[in-house]
Protein backbone atom coordinates (compact mmCIF):
# COMPACT_ATOMS: atom_id res chain seq x y z
CA MET A 1 12.03 2.46 -12.00
CA PRO A 2 13.51 0.11 -9.57
CA GLY A 3 17.18 -0.30 -10.51
CA VAL A 4 17.06 2.22 -13.17
CA SER A 5 19.09 5.54 -12.55
CA SER A 6 16.95 8.57 -13.64
CA SER A 7 20.13 10.14 -14.87
CA ALA A 8 20.22 7.72 -17.88
CA GLN A 9 19.74 8.95 -21.31
CA VAL A 10 15.95 8.55 -21.70
CA THR A 11 14.73 8.45 -25.37
CA GLY A 12 11.98 6.74 -27.63
CA ASP A 13 11.02 3.34 -26.10
CA ASP A 14 12.79 3.94 -23.02
CA LEU A 15 11.01 7.03 -22.34
CA ALA A 16 7.59 5.42 -22.88
CA LYS A 17 8.56 2.57 -20.46
CA ARG A 18 9.56 4.96 -17.79
CA PHE A 19 6.52 6.88 -18.38
CA GLU A 20 4.54 3.56 -18.12
CA PHE A 21 6.26 2.67 -14.88
CA LEU A 22 6.03 5.97 -13.12
CA SER A 23 2.50 7.01 -13.99
CA ARG A 24 1.27 3.41 -12.62
CA ASN A 25 3.58 3.05 -9.66
CA GLY A 26 4.12 6.37 -8.11
CA ASN A 27 4.64 6.83 -4.29
CA SER A 28 4.39 10.67 -4.18
CA ASN A 29 1.65 12.63 -2.71
CA CYS A 30 0.92 15.99 -1.54
CA SER A 31 0.40 15.10 2.08
CA GLN A 32 2.35 16.90 5.07
CA ALA A 33 2.92 13.17 6.13
CA PHE A 34 4.75 12.37 2.90
CA LEU A 35 6.84 15.54 3.46
CA GLU A 36 7.88 14.57 6.75
CA SER A 37 8.51 11.04 5.81
CA ILE A 38 11.29 12.05 3.17
CA ARG A 39 13.68 12.65 6.08
CA THR A 40 13.33 9.12 7.36
CA MET A 41 13.69 7.51 3.87
CA SER A 42 17.04 5.70 2.87
CA ASP A 43 19.04 7.99 0.59
CA THR A 44 18.68 5.38 -2.22
CA ALA A 45 14.80 5.27 -2.19
CA ARG A 46 13.09 7.09 -4.82
CA LEU A 47 10.32 9.69 -4.86
CA GLN A 48 8.32 8.54 -8.01
CA GLY A 49 5.14 9.53 -9.89
CA SER A 50 2.92 12.57 -9.89
CA CYS A 51 1.59 13.99 -6.92
CA CYS A 52 -1.61 15.77 -8.01
CA GLY A 53 -2.81 14.55 -11.33
CA PRO A 54 -2.07 11.87 -14.10
CA MET A 55 1.18 12.19 -15.92
CA ASP A 56 0.96 13.01 -19.55
CA LEU A 57 3.50 11.38 -22.05
CA HIS A 58 3.91 14.15 -24.28
CA ARG A 59 4.45 16.74 -21.58
CA TYR A 60 7.03 14.17 -19.71
CA GLY A 61 8.89 13.95 -22.96
CA GLU A 62 9.21 17.80 -23.07
CA GLN A 63 10.43 17.91 -19.61
CA ILE A 64 13.10 15.35 -19.86
CA ALA A 65 14.38 16.84 -23.10
CA GLY A 66 14.21 20.43 -21.72
CA LEU A 67 15.99 19.17 -18.41
CA LYS A 68 18.96 17.84 -20.33
CA ALA A 69 20.11 21.47 -20.84
CA PHE A 70 20.91 21.32 -17.14
CA SER A 71 22.45 18.01 -16.79
CA ALA A 72 25.61 19.49 -15.69
CA ILE A 73 24.21 20.77 -12.51
CA LEU A 74 23.81 17.75 -10.16
CA GLU A 75 21.07 19.37 -7.88
CA ILE A 76 18.66 19.44 -10.61
CA PRO A 77 16.70 16.28 -10.93
CA PRO A 78 16.95 15.04 -14.49
CA ASP A 79 13.40 13.35 -14.12
CA PRO A 80 10.80 15.18 -12.17
CA TYR A 81 8.90 12.23 -11.52
CA ASP A 82 11.99 10.09 -10.28
CA ILE A 83 13.90 11.75 -7.76
CA GLU A 84 16.49 10.15 -5.36
CA ALA A 85 15.40 10.51 -1.58
CA GLY A 86 19.15 11.61 -0.72
CA LEU A 87 18.88 14.59 -3.10
CA ALA A 88 15.38 15.54 -1.77
CA LYS A 89 16.74 15.63 1.75
CA ARG A 90 19.65 17.89 0.87
CA LEU A 91 17.33 20.22 -1.04
CA LEU A 92 14.70 20.17 1.83
CA VAL A 93 17.52 21.58 4.07
CA ALA A 94 18.44 24.13 1.34
CA SER A 95 14.72 25.55 1.62
CA ASP A 96 15.91 27.15 5.11
CA ILE A 97 18.69 29.15 3.26
CA LYS A 98 18.35 32.97 3.84
CA LEU A 99 19.02 34.75 0.79
CA LYS A 100 20.83 38.28 0.37
CA VAL A 101 18.40 41.14 -0.64
CA GLN A 102 19.27 40.83 -4.54
CA GLN A 103 19.21 36.99 -4.34
CA GLN A 104 15.84 37.21 -2.73
CA LYS A 105 14.52 39.50 -5.46
CA ALA A 106 15.71 36.91 -8.00
CA TYR A 107 13.80 34.07 -6.01
CA ASP A 108 10.53 36.34 -5.84
CA ARG A 109 10.82 36.94 -9.62
CA ALA A 110 10.78 33.15 -10.29
CA MET A 111 7.76 32.96 -7.90
CA ALA A 112 5.94 35.55 -9.82
CA THR A 113 6.72 34.20 -13.39
CA SER A 114 6.90 30.41 -12.85
CA THR A 115 3.72 28.72 -14.30
CA GLU A 116 2.53 27.52 -10.86
CA LYS A 117 3.70 30.86 -9.16
CA GLY A 118 6.08 28.98 -7.14
CA PRO A 119 7.93 25.65 -7.35
CA CYS A 120 4.80 23.61 -7.34
CA CYS A 121 1.06 24.12 -7.29
CA CYS A 122 0.69 23.55 -3.66
CA GLU A 123 2.95 24.00 -0.52
CA CYS A 124 3.67 20.11 -0.59
CA TRP A 125 7.05 18.24 -0.70
CA ARG A 126 7.98 19.37 -3.97
CA TRP A 127 7.42 23.02 -3.26
CA HIS A 128 9.86 22.81 -0.29
CA VAL A 129 12.26 20.49 -2.31
CA TYR A 130 12.33 22.69 -5.32
CA GLY A 131 12.17 25.82 -3.36
CA GLY A 132 15.47 24.74 -1.77
CA LEU A 133 16.79 23.99 -5.23
CA GLY A 134 15.99 27.44 -6.12
CA LYS A 135 17.78 29.09 -3.37
CA LEU A 136 20.89 26.90 -4.23
CA LEU A 137 20.71 27.94 -7.79
CA ILE A 138 20.58 31.49 -7.16
CA ARG A 139 23.04 31.57 -4.31
CA ASP A 140 25.44 28.95 -5.65
CA ARG A 141 25.25 29.30 -9.58
CA GLY A 142 24.12 32.88 -10.03
CA PHE A 143 20.72 32.04 -11.59
CA ASP A 144 18.36 34.99 -12.04
CA GLY A 145 14.55 34.57 -11.56
CA SER A 146 13.90 33.86 -15.28
CA LYS A 147 16.41 30.90 -15.43
CA LEU A 148 14.92 29.57 -12.15
CA ALA A 149 11.44 29.76 -13.31
CA ALA A 150 12.49 27.92 -16.44
CA VAL A 151 13.78 25.09 -14.21
CA TRP A 152 10.79 25.12 -12.12
CA ASN A 153 8.44 24.85 -15.04
CA LEU A 154 10.36 21.94 -16.64
CA SER A 155 10.33 20.18 -13.18
CA ASP A 156 6.55 20.42 -12.64
CA GLY A 157 5.86 17.05 -11.05
CA CYS A 158 2.10 17.69 -10.61
CA GLY A 159 1.06 15.89 -13.72
CA GLY A 160 -1.13 17.13 -16.61
CA GLU A 161 -0.35 18.47 -20.12
CA ASN A 162 0.96 22.01 -19.34
CA HIS A 163 3.44 22.69 -22.09
CA ALA A 164 6.71 24.40 -21.74
CA HIS A 165 6.56 25.80 -25.45
């Protein structure tokens, strides 16, 4: 939401208000043009809303609650429907990281076991941004494939009501 940090604690009425705003005012889409536009956005601009289908309030609440477990890791967006462009740019660069053999095996396991069989349902901006996030988490924080898949599943920004539980 304009002027509201996505890292703020979001519960109850605040969650419903954020949902209402993000589900109606998103700028995100799956086009190549949108992916390319991220590099030219102001670092403080926000990538908001769902890129594929309508958001689901119940699922959104599950995602926000689940992502709190990773709040100490600044690279993991706390709200998959409201991401600062500066972070998205850094994660896009990270998508080019070449992993070591064991690290690549962990990444491949996350690809095979995540709900979307990757960081997103299609090779849109989220695929590249969250793919970069995955490489950073494996390389710099020692994540295994299962833990990365859990982050990707909670970070699904495609919309819909797929449940994490």
